[in-house]
Amino acid sequence: RMRRRIIESFMCTMQADLAAIADEYGLTGRRFGPERVRLQQMARDGVVEISGEHVRLTEVGRPFVRAVAAVFDTYIGTGAAKHSRAV
């Protein structure tokens, strides 16, 4: 549910406060190690800006919102269902 909330936040507002959302679920915002590594690469590419626990898509990154949201989707690549992909 927490990951769904993060994905929804990116898709609707182009940003997410990971700590605030984790707090909504009684968890710490420092739990996204692998996701942070992927987000850092996206930051180097100019797709997102990271400020502490807050991640915001840049204007350049807006077309890639699905790719950013997919960082938090644990089901992508694990099931038989096919998902549309961002190019």
PDB file of N, CA and C in Angstrom:
ATOM      1  N   ARG A   1       0.820  -1.196   0.000  1.00  0.00           N
ATOM      2  CA  ARG A   1       0.000   0.000   0.000  1.00  0.00           C
ATOM      3  C   ARG A   1       0.863   1.258   0.000  1.00  0.00           C
ATOM      4  N   MET A   2       1.968   1.213   0.758  1.00  0.00           N
ATOM      5  CA  MET A   2       2.850   2.363   0.814  1.00  0.00           C
ATOM      6  C   MET A   2       3.478   2.615  -0.557  1.00  0.00           C
ATOM      7  N   ARG A   3       3.927   1.563  -1.215  1.00  0.00           N
ATOM      8  CA  ARG A   3       4.522   1.718  -2.540  1.00  0.00           C
ATOM      9  C   ARG A   3       3.483   2.247  -3.532  1.00  0.00           C
ATOM     10  N   ARG A   4       2.264   1.763  -3.430  1.00  0.00           N
ATOM     11  CA  ARG A   4       1.192   2.269  -4.288  1.00  0.00           C
ATOM     12  C   ARG A   4       1.018   3.768  -4.057  1.00  0.00           C
ATOM     13  N   ARG A   5       1.075   4.187  -2.820  1.00  0.00           N
ATOM     14  CA  ARG A   5       0.921   5.611  -2.477  1.00  0.00           C
ATOM     15  C   ARG A   5       2.053   6.438  -3.075  1.00  0.00           C
ATOM     16  N   ILE A   6       3.284   5.919  -3.037  1.00  0.00           N
ATOM     17  CA  ILE A   6       4.428   6.616  -3.625  1.00  0.00           C
ATOM     18  C   ILE A   6       4.250   6.735  -5.133  1.00  0.00           C
ATOM     19  N   ILE A   7       3.874   5.631  -5.773  1.00  0.00           N
ATOM     20  CA  ILE A   7       3.654   5.635  -7.219  1.00  0.00           C
ATOM     21  C   ILE A   7       2.560   6.626  -7.582  1.00  0.00           C
ATOM     22  N   GLU A   8       1.482   6.607  -6.832  1.00  0.00           N
ATOM     23  CA  GLU A   8       0.376   7.544  -7.073  1.00  0.00           C
ATOM     24  C   GLU A   8       0.844   8.993  -6.940  1.00  0.00           C
ATOM     25  N   SER A   9       1.677   9.252  -5.957  1.00  0.00           N
ATOM     26  CA  SER A   9       2.179  10.604  -5.748  1.00  0.00           C
ATOM     27  C   SER A   9       2.987  11.067  -6.954  1.00  0.00           C
ATOM     28  N   PHE A  10       3.871  10.216  -7.462  1.00  0.00           N
ATOM     29  CA  PHE A  10       4.638  10.586  -8.657  1.00  0.00           C
ATOM     30  C   PHE A  10       3.722  10.815  -9.853  1.00  0.00           C
ATOM     31  N   MET A  11       2.785   9.913 -10.064  1.00  0.00           N
ATOM     32  CA  MET A  11       1.927   9.992 -11.241  1.00  0.00           C
ATOM     33  C   MET A  11       1.003  11.213 -11.208  1.00  0.00           C
ATOM     34  N   CYS A  12       0.562  11.605 -10.021  1.00  0.00           N
ATOM     35  CA  CYS A  12      -0.397  12.711  -9.900  1.00  0.00           C
ATOM     36  C   CYS A  12       0.253  14.070  -9.696  1.00  0.00           C
ATOM     37  N   THR A  13       1.349  14.116  -8.929  1.00  0.00           N
ATOM     38  CA  THR A  13       1.933  15.417  -8.579  1.00  0.00           C
ATOM     39  C   THR A  13       3.369  15.602  -9.052  1.00  0.00           C
ATOM     40  N   MET A  14       3.932  14.578  -9.692  1.00  0.00           N
ATOM     41  CA  MET A  14       5.310  14.617 -10.202  1.00  0.00           C
ATOM     42  C   MET A  14       6.352  14.752  -9.089  1.00  0.00           C
ATOM     43  N   GLN A  15       5.969  14.362  -7.880  1.00  0.00           N
ATOM     44  CA  GLN A  15       6.902  14.408  -6.757  1.00  0.00           C
ATOM     45  C   GLN A  15       6.431  13.473  -5.658  1.00  0.00           C
ATOM     46  N   ALA A  16       7.349  13.144  -4.749  1.00  0.00           N
ATOM     47  CA  ALA A  16       6.983  12.320  -3.596  1.00  0.00           C
ATOM     48  C   ALA A  16       7.924  12.632  -2.442  1.00  0.00           C
ATOM     49  N   ASP A  17       7.346  12.748  -1.268  1.00  0.00           N
ATOM     50  CA  ASP A  17       8.121  12.895  -0.040  1.00  0.00           C
ATOM     51  C   ASP A  17       8.157  11.512   0.611  1.00  0.00           C
ATOM     52  N   LEU A  18       9.245  10.793   0.402  1.00  0.00           N
ATOM     53  CA  LEU A  18       9.341   9.405   0.851  1.00  0.00           C
ATOM     54  C   LEU A  18       9.189   9.274   2.360  1.00  0.00           C
ATOM     55  N   ALA A  19       9.763  10.186   3.114  1.00  0.00           N
ATOM     56  CA  ALA A  19       9.663  10.121   4.579  1.00  0.00           C
ATOM     57  C   ALA A  19       8.230  10.348   5.034  1.00  0.00           C
ATOM     58  N   ALA A  20       7.566  11.334   4.463  1.00  0.00           N
ATOM     59  CA  ALA A  20       6.193  11.639   4.871  1.00  0.00           C
ATOM     60  C   ALA A  20       5.265  10.474   4.551  1.00  0.00           C
ATOM     61  N   ILE A  21       5.445   9.885   3.374  1.00  0.00           N
ATOM     62  CA  ILE A  21       4.593   8.750   3.010  1.00  0.00           C
ATOM     63  C   ILE A  21       4.893   7.553   3.892  1.00  0.00           C
ATOM     64  N   ALA A  22       6.163   7.286   4.158  1.00  0.00           N
ATOM     65  CA  ALA A  22       6.523   6.177   5.046  1.00  0.00           C
ATOM     66  C   ALA A  22       5.946   6.403   6.441  1.00  0.00           C
ATOM     67  N   ASP A  23       5.966   7.645   6.901  1.00  0.00           N
ATOM     68  CA  ASP A  23       5.391   7.966   8.215  1.00  0.00           C
ATOM     69  C   ASP A  23       3.894   7.678   8.260  1.00  0.00           C
ATOM     70  N   GLU A  24       3.207   7.882   7.126  1.00  0.00           N
ATOM     71  CA  GLU A  24       1.776   7.573   7.064  1.00  0.00           C
ATOM     72  C   GLU A  24       1.520   6.099   7.385  1.00  0.00           C
ATOM     73  N   TYR A  25       2.506   5.258   7.104  1.00  0.00           N
ATOM     74  CA  TYR A  25       2.369   3.820   7.314  1.00  0.00           C
ATOM     75  C   TYR A  25       3.170   3.327   8.514  1.00  0.00           C
ATOM     76  N   GLY A  26       3.649   4.274   9.328  1.00  0.00           N
ATOM     77  CA  GLY A  26       4.377   3.920  10.540  1.00  0.00           C
ATOM     78  C   GLY A  26       5.755   3.342  10.278  1.00  0.00           C
ATOM     79  N   LEU A  27       6.364   3.698   9.144  1.00  0.00           N
ATOM     80  CA  LEU A  27       7.681   3.183   8.777  1.00  0.00           C
ATOM     81  C   LEU A  27       8.662   4.327   8.603  1.00  0.00           C
ATOM     82  N   THR A  28       9.921   3.992   8.614  1.00  0.00           N
ATOM     83  CA  THR A  28      10.947   5.003   8.425  1.00  0.00           C
ATOM     84  C   THR A  28      11.199   5.233   6.946  1.00  0.00           C
ATOM     85  N   GLY A  29      11.491   6.465   6.564  1.00  0.00           N
ATOM     86  CA  GLY A  29      11.755   6.816   5.175  1.00  0.00           C
ATOM     87  C   GLY A  29      13.084   6.318   4.657  1.00  0.00           C
ATOM     88  N   ARG A  30      13.933   5.796   5.504  1.00  0.00           N
ATOM     89  CA  ARG A  30      15.265   5.332   5.107  1.00  0.00           C
ATOM     90  C   ARG A  30      15.264   3.872   4.650  1.00  0.00           C
ATOM     91  N   ARG A  31      14.132   3.331   4.246  1.00  0.00           N
ATOM     92  CA  ARG A  31      14.057   1.924   3.905  1.00  0.00           C
ATOM     93  C   ARG A  31      14.206   1.625   2.422  1.00  0.00           C
ATOM     94  N   PHE A  32      14.449   2.599   1.594  1.00  0.00           N
ATOM     95  CA  PHE A  32      14.454   2.417   0.150  1.00  0.00           C
ATOM     96  C   PHE A  32      15.860   2.435  -0.440  1.00  0.00           C
ATOM     97  N   GLY A  33      16.742   1.617   0.057  1.00  0.00           N
ATOM     98  CA  GLY A  33      18.138   1.590  -0.406  1.00  0.00           C
ATOM     99  C   GLY A  33      18.292   1.351  -1.901  1.00  0.00           C
ATOM    100  N   PRO A  34      17.790   0.222  -2.430  1.00  0.00           N
ATOM    101  CA  PRO A  34      17.942  -0.043  -3.868  1.00  0.00           C
ATOM    102  C   PRO A  34      17.237   1.005  -4.732  1.00  0.00           C
ATOM    103  N   GLU A  35      16.110   1.481  -4.268  1.00  0.00           N
ATOM    104  CA  GLU A  35      15.378   2.495  -5.021  1.00  0.00           C
ATOM    105  C   GLU A  35      16.159   3.801  -5.072  1.00  0.00           C
ATOM    106  N   ARG A  36      16.815   4.134  -3.983  1.00  0.00           N
ATOM    107  CA  ARG A  36      17.613   5.371  -3.943  1.00  0.00           C
ATOM    108  C   ARG A  36      18.771   5.308  -4.929  1.00  0.00           C
ATOM    109  N   VAL A  37      19.365   4.131  -5.075  1.00  0.00           N
ATOM    110  CA  VAL A  37      20.460   3.974  -6.038  1.00  0.00           C
ATOM    111  C   VAL A  37      19.952   4.275  -7.450  1.00  0.00           C
ATOM    112  N   ARG A  38      18.802   3.725  -7.797  1.00  0.00           N
ATOM    113  CA  ARG A  38      18.223   3.973  -9.122  1.00  0.00           C
ATOM    114  C   ARG A  38      17.821   5.433  -9.290  1.00  0.00           C
ATOM    115  N   LEU A  39      17.278   6.039  -8.234  1.00  0.00           N
ATOM    116  CA  LEU A  39      16.902   7.454  -8.308  1.00  0.00           C
ATOM    117  C   LEU A  39      18.128   8.350  -8.465  1.00  0.00           C
ATOM    118  N   GLN A  40      19.237   7.979  -7.825  1.00  0.00           N
ATOM    119  CA  GLN A  40      20.469   8.771  -7.962  1.00  0.00           C
ATOM    120  C   GLN A  40      20.941   8.792  -9.411  1.00  0.00           C
ATOM    121  N   GLN A  41      20.827   7.643 -10.106  1.00  0.00           N
ATOM    122  CA  GLN A  41      21.198   7.601 -11.521  1.00  0.00           C
ATOM    123  C   GLN A  41      20.274   8.523 -12.321  1.00  0.00           C
ATOM    124  N   MET A  42      18.987   8.483 -12.002  1.00  0.00           N
ATOM    125  CA  MET A  42      18.033   9.360 -12.686  1.00  0.00           C
ATOM    126  C   MET A  42      18.338  10.826 -12.396  1.00  0.00           C
ATOM    127  N   ALA A  43      18.809  11.115 -11.201  1.00  0.00           N
ATOM    128  CA  ALA A  43      19.194  12.490 -10.852  1.00  0.00           C
ATOM    129  C   ALA A  43      20.409  12.914 -11.677  1.00  0.00           C
ATOM    130  N   ARG A  44      21.378  12.024 -11.832  1.00  0.00           N
ATOM    131  CA  ARG A  44      22.548  12.347 -12.663  1.00  0.00           C
ATOM    132  C   ARG A  44      22.142  12.610 -14.110  1.00  0.00           C
ATOM    133  N   ASP A  45      21.082  11.938 -14.561  1.00  0.00           N
ATOM    134  CA  ASP A  45      20.596  12.123 -15.927  1.00  0.00           C
ATOM    135  C   ASP A  45      19.665  13.329 -16.059  1.00  0.00           C
ATOM    136  N   GLY A  46      19.369  14.008 -14.951  1.00  0.00           N
ATOM    137  CA  GLY A  46      18.527  15.199 -14.987  1.00  0.00           C
ATOM    138  C   GLY A  46      17.033  14.917 -14.995  1.00  0.00           C
ATOM    139  N   VAL A  47      16.634  13.682 -14.695  1.00  0.00           N
ATOM    140  CA  VAL A  47      15.222  13.305 -14.701  1.00  0.00           C
ATOM    141  C   VAL A  47      14.530  13.720 -13.406  1.00  0.00           C
ATOM    142  N   VAL A  48      15.219  13.590 -12.277  1.00  0.00           N
ATOM    143  CA  VAL A  48      14.662  13.963 -10.974  1.00  0.00           C
ATOM    144  C   VAL A  48      15.648  14.832 -10.216  1.00  0.00           C
ATOM    145  N   GLU A  49      15.119  15.536  -9.233  1.00  0.00           N
ATOM    146  CA  GLU A  49      15.934  16.258  -8.251  1.00  0.00           C
ATOM    147  C   GLU A  49      15.625  15.652  -6.896  1.00  0.00           C
ATOM    148  N   ILE A  50      16.670  15.375  -6.119  1.00  0.00           N
ATOM    149  CA  ILE A  50      16.498  14.773  -4.806  1.00  0.00           C
ATOM    150  C   ILE A  50      16.999  15.757  -3.758  1.00  0.00           C
ATOM    151  N   SER A  51      16.138  16.033  -2.793  1.00  0.00           N
ATOM    152  CA  SER A  51      16.491  16.909  -1.680  1.00  0.00           C
ATOM    153  C   SER A  51      16.090  16.191  -0.404  1.00  0.00           C
ATOM    154  N   GLY A  52      17.055  15.560   0.234  1.00  0.00           N
ATOM    155  CA  GLY A  52      16.748  14.768   1.425  1.00  0.00           C
ATOM    156  C   GLY A  52      15.855  13.604   1.063  1.00  0.00           C
ATOM    157  N   GLU A  53      14.646  13.599   1.594  1.00  0.00           N
ATOM    158  CA  GLU A  53      13.673  12.533   1.340  1.00  0.00           C
ATOM    159  C   GLU A  53      12.664  12.909   0.256  1.00  0.00           C
ATOM    160  N   HIS A  54      12.810  14.090  -0.294  1.00  0.00           N
ATOM    161  CA  HIS A  54      11.862  14.582  -1.294  1.00  0.00           C
ATOM    162  C   HIS A  54      12.442  14.373  -2.693  1.00  0.00           C
ATOM    163  N   VAL A  55      11.652  13.743  -3.570  1.00  0.00           N
ATOM    164  CA  VAL A  55      12.065  13.491  -4.949  1.00  0.00           C
ATOM    165  C   VAL A  55      11.060  14.184  -5.870  1.00  0.00           C
ATOM    166  N   ARG A  56      11.576  14.991  -6.794  1.00  0.00           N
ATOM    167  CA  ARG A  56      10.713  15.748  -7.700  1.00  0.00           C
ATOM    168  C   ARG A  56      11.202  15.548  -9.122  1.00  0.00           C
ATOM    169  N   LEU A  57      10.279  15.296 -10.031  1.00  0.00           N
ATOM    170  CA  LEU A  57      10.630  15.205 -11.438  1.00  0.00           C
ATOM    171  C   LEU A  57      10.954  16.590 -11.967  1.00  0.00           C
ATOM    172  N   THR A  58      11.948  16.666 -12.807  1.00  0.00           N
ATOM    173  CA  THR A  58      12.295  17.926 -13.470  1.00  0.00           C
ATOM    174  C   THR A  58      11.416  18.071 -14.713  1.00  0.00           C
ATOM    175  N   GLU A  59      11.477  19.219 -15.350  1.00  0.00           N
ATOM    176  CA  GLU A  59      10.744  19.407 -16.605  1.00  0.00           C
ATOM    177  C   GLU A  59      11.234  18.402 -17.645  1.00  0.00           C
ATOM    178  N   VAL A  60      12.535  18.177 -17.681  1.00  0.00           N
ATOM    179  CA  VAL A  60      13.103  17.189 -18.602  1.00  0.00           C
ATOM    180  C   VAL A  60      12.576  15.789 -18.265  1.00  0.00           C
ATOM    181  N   GLY A  61      12.368  15.521 -16.993  1.00  0.00           N
ATOM    182  CA  GLY A  61      11.956  14.204 -16.545  1.00  0.00           C
ATOM    183  C   GLY A  61      10.470  13.911 -16.641  1.00  0.00           C
ATOM    184  N   ARG A  62       9.655  14.914 -16.827  1.00  0.00           N
ATOM    185  CA  ARG A  62       8.195  14.702 -16.849  1.00  0.00           C
ATOM    186  C   ARG A  62       7.741  13.599 -17.809  1.00  0.00           C
ATOM    187  N   PRO A  63       8.300  13.499 -19.013  1.00  0.00           N
ATOM    188  CA  PRO A  63       7.874  12.404 -19.892  1.00  0.00           C
ATOM    189  C   PRO A  63       8.244  11.014 -19.361  1.00  0.00           C
ATOM    190  N   PHE A  64       9.132  10.959 -18.364  1.00  0.00           N
ATOM    191  CA  PHE A  64       9.605   9.694 -17.822  1.00  0.00           C
ATOM    192  C   PHE A  64       8.977   9.356 -16.472  1.00  0.00           C
ATOM    193  N   VAL A  65       7.826   9.985 -16.167  1.00  0.00           N
ATOM    194  CA  VAL A  65       7.192   9.782 -14.866  1.00  0.00           C
ATOM    195  C   VAL A  65       6.904   8.300 -14.615  1.00  0.00           C
ATOM    196  N   ARG A  66       6.513   7.576 -15.641  1.00  0.00           N
ATOM    197  CA  ARG A  66       6.228   6.147 -15.452  1.00  0.00           C
ATOM    198  C   ARG A  66       7.488   5.378 -15.076  1.00  0.00           C
ATOM    199  N   ALA A  67       8.615   5.742 -15.650  1.00  0.00           N
ATOM    200  CA  ALA A  67       9.873   5.071 -15.322  1.00  0.00           C
ATOM    201  C   ALA A  67      10.279   5.367 -13.878  1.00  0.00           C
ATOM    202  N   VAL A  68      10.060   6.604 -13.436  1.00  0.00           N
ATOM    203  CA  VAL A  68      10.386   6.963 -12.047  1.00  0.00           C
ATOM    204  C   VAL A  68       9.465   6.220 -11.091  1.00  0.00           C
ATOM    205  N   ALA A  69       8.182   6.204 -11.371  1.00  0.00           N
ATOM    206  CA  ALA A  69       7.235   5.484 -10.522  1.00  0.00           C
ATOM    207  C   ALA A  69       7.559   3.991 -10.486  1.00  0.00           C
ATOM    208  N   ALA A  70       8.007   3.438 -11.604  1.00  0.00           N
ATOM    209  CA  ALA A  70       8.321   2.011 -11.684  1.00  0.00           C
ATOM    210  C   ALA A  70       9.454   1.609 -10.756  1.00  0.00           C
ATOM    211  N   VAL A  71      10.282   2.550 -10.352  1.00  0.00           N
ATOM    212  CA  VAL A  71      11.355   2.249  -9.395  1.00  0.00           C
ATOM    213  C   VAL A  71      10.771   1.635  -8.121  1.00  0.00           C
ATOM    214  N   PHE A  72       9.557   2.032  -7.762  1.00  0.00           N
ATOM    215  CA  PHE A  72       8.935   1.561  -6.527  1.00  0.00           C
ATOM    216  C   PHE A  72       7.951   0.409  -6.738  1.00  0.00           C
ATOM    217  N   ASP A  73       7.813  -0.055  -7.971  1.00  0.00           N
ATOM    218  CA  ASP A  73       6.875  -1.146  -8.271  1.00  0.00           C
ATOM    219  C   ASP A  73       7.580  -2.484  -8.131  1.00  0.00           C
ATOM    220  N   THR A  74       7.267  -3.235  -7.077  1.00  0.00           N
ATOM    221  CA  THR A  74       7.921  -4.515  -6.826  1.00  0.00           C
ATOM    222  C   THR A  74       7.409  -5.623  -7.732  1.00  0.00           C
ATOM    223  N   TYR A  75       6.321  -5.389  -8.439  1.00  0.00           N
ATOM    224  CA  TYR A  75       5.744  -6.417  -9.301  1.00  0.00           C
ATOM    225  C   TYR A  75       6.283  -6.410 -10.726  1.00  0.00           C
ATOM    226  N   ILE A  76       6.891  -5.328 -11.144  1.00  0.00           N
ATOM    227  CA  ILE A  76       7.419  -5.257 -12.504  1.00  0.00           C
ATOM    228  C   ILE A  76       8.554  -6.272 -12.637  1.00  0.00           C
ATOM    229  N   GLY A  77       8.429  -7.110 -13.650  1.00  0.00           N
ATOM    230  CA  GLY A  77       9.470  -8.092 -13.914  1.00  0.00           C
ATOM    231  C   GLY A  77       9.358  -9.372 -13.109  1.00  0.00           C
ATOM    232  N   THR A  78       8.376  -9.479 -12.195  1.00  0.00           N
ATOM    233  CA  THR A  78       8.295 -10.669 -11.367  1.00  0.00           C
ATOM    234  C   THR A  78       7.132 -11.580 -11.720  1.00  0.00           C
ATOM    235  N   GLY A  79       6.148 -11.074 -12.445  1.00  0.00           N
ATOM    236  CA  GLY A  79       4.963 -11.871 -12.728  1.00  0.00           C
ATOM    237  C   GLY A  79       4.819 -12.192 -14.198  1.00  0.00           C
ATOM    238  N   ALA A  80       3.802 -12.964 -14.498  1.00  0.00           N
ATOM    239  CA  ALA A  80       3.513 -13.337 -15.876  1.00  0.00           C
ATOM    240  C   ALA A  80       2.826 -12.204 -16.631  1.00  0.00           C
ATOM    241  N   ALA A  81       2.204 -11.307 -15.894  1.00  0.00           N
ATOM    242  CA  ALA A  81       1.502 -10.192 -16.535  1.00  0.00           C
ATOM    243  C   ALA A  81       2.484  -9.265 -17.218  1.00  0.00           C
ATOM    244  N   LYS A  82       2.079  -8.742 -18.338  1.00  0.00           N
ATOM    245  CA  LYS A  82       2.914  -7.798 -19.069  1.00  0.00           C
ATOM    246  C   LYS A  82       2.445  -6.385 -18.778  1.00  0.00           C
ATOM    247  N   HIS A  83       3.370  -5.514 -18.513  1.00  0.00           N
ATOM    248  CA  HIS A  83       3.063  -4.114 -18.243  1.00  0.00           C
ATOM    249  C   HIS A  83       3.579  -3.277 -19.394  1.00  0.00           C
ATOM    250  N   SER A  84       2.888  -2.223 -19.697  1.00  0.00           N
ATOM    251  CA  SER A  84       3.413  -1.320 -20.711  1.00  0.00           C
ATOM    252  C   SER A  84       4.650  -0.647 -20.145  1.00  0.00           C
ATOM    253  N   ARG A  85       5.562  -0.350 -21.020  1.00  0.00           N
ATOM    254  CA  ARG A  85       6.834   0.231 -20.584  1.00  0.00           C
ATOM    255  C   ARG A  85       7.012   1.612 -21.160  1.00  0.00           C
ATOM    256  N   ALA A  86       7.709   2.435 -20.419  1.00  0.00           N
ATOM    257  CA  ALA A  86       8.069   3.759 -20.933  1.00  0.00           C
ATOM    258  C   ALA A  86       9.283   3.571 -21.840  1.00  0.00           C
ATOM    259  N   VAL A  87       9.309   4.266 -22.937  1.00  0.00           N
ATOM    260  CA  VAL A  87      10.404   4.109 -23.886  1.00  0.00           C
ATOM    261  C   VAL A  87      11.475   5.124 -23.581  1.00  0.00           C
TER     262      VAL A  87
END
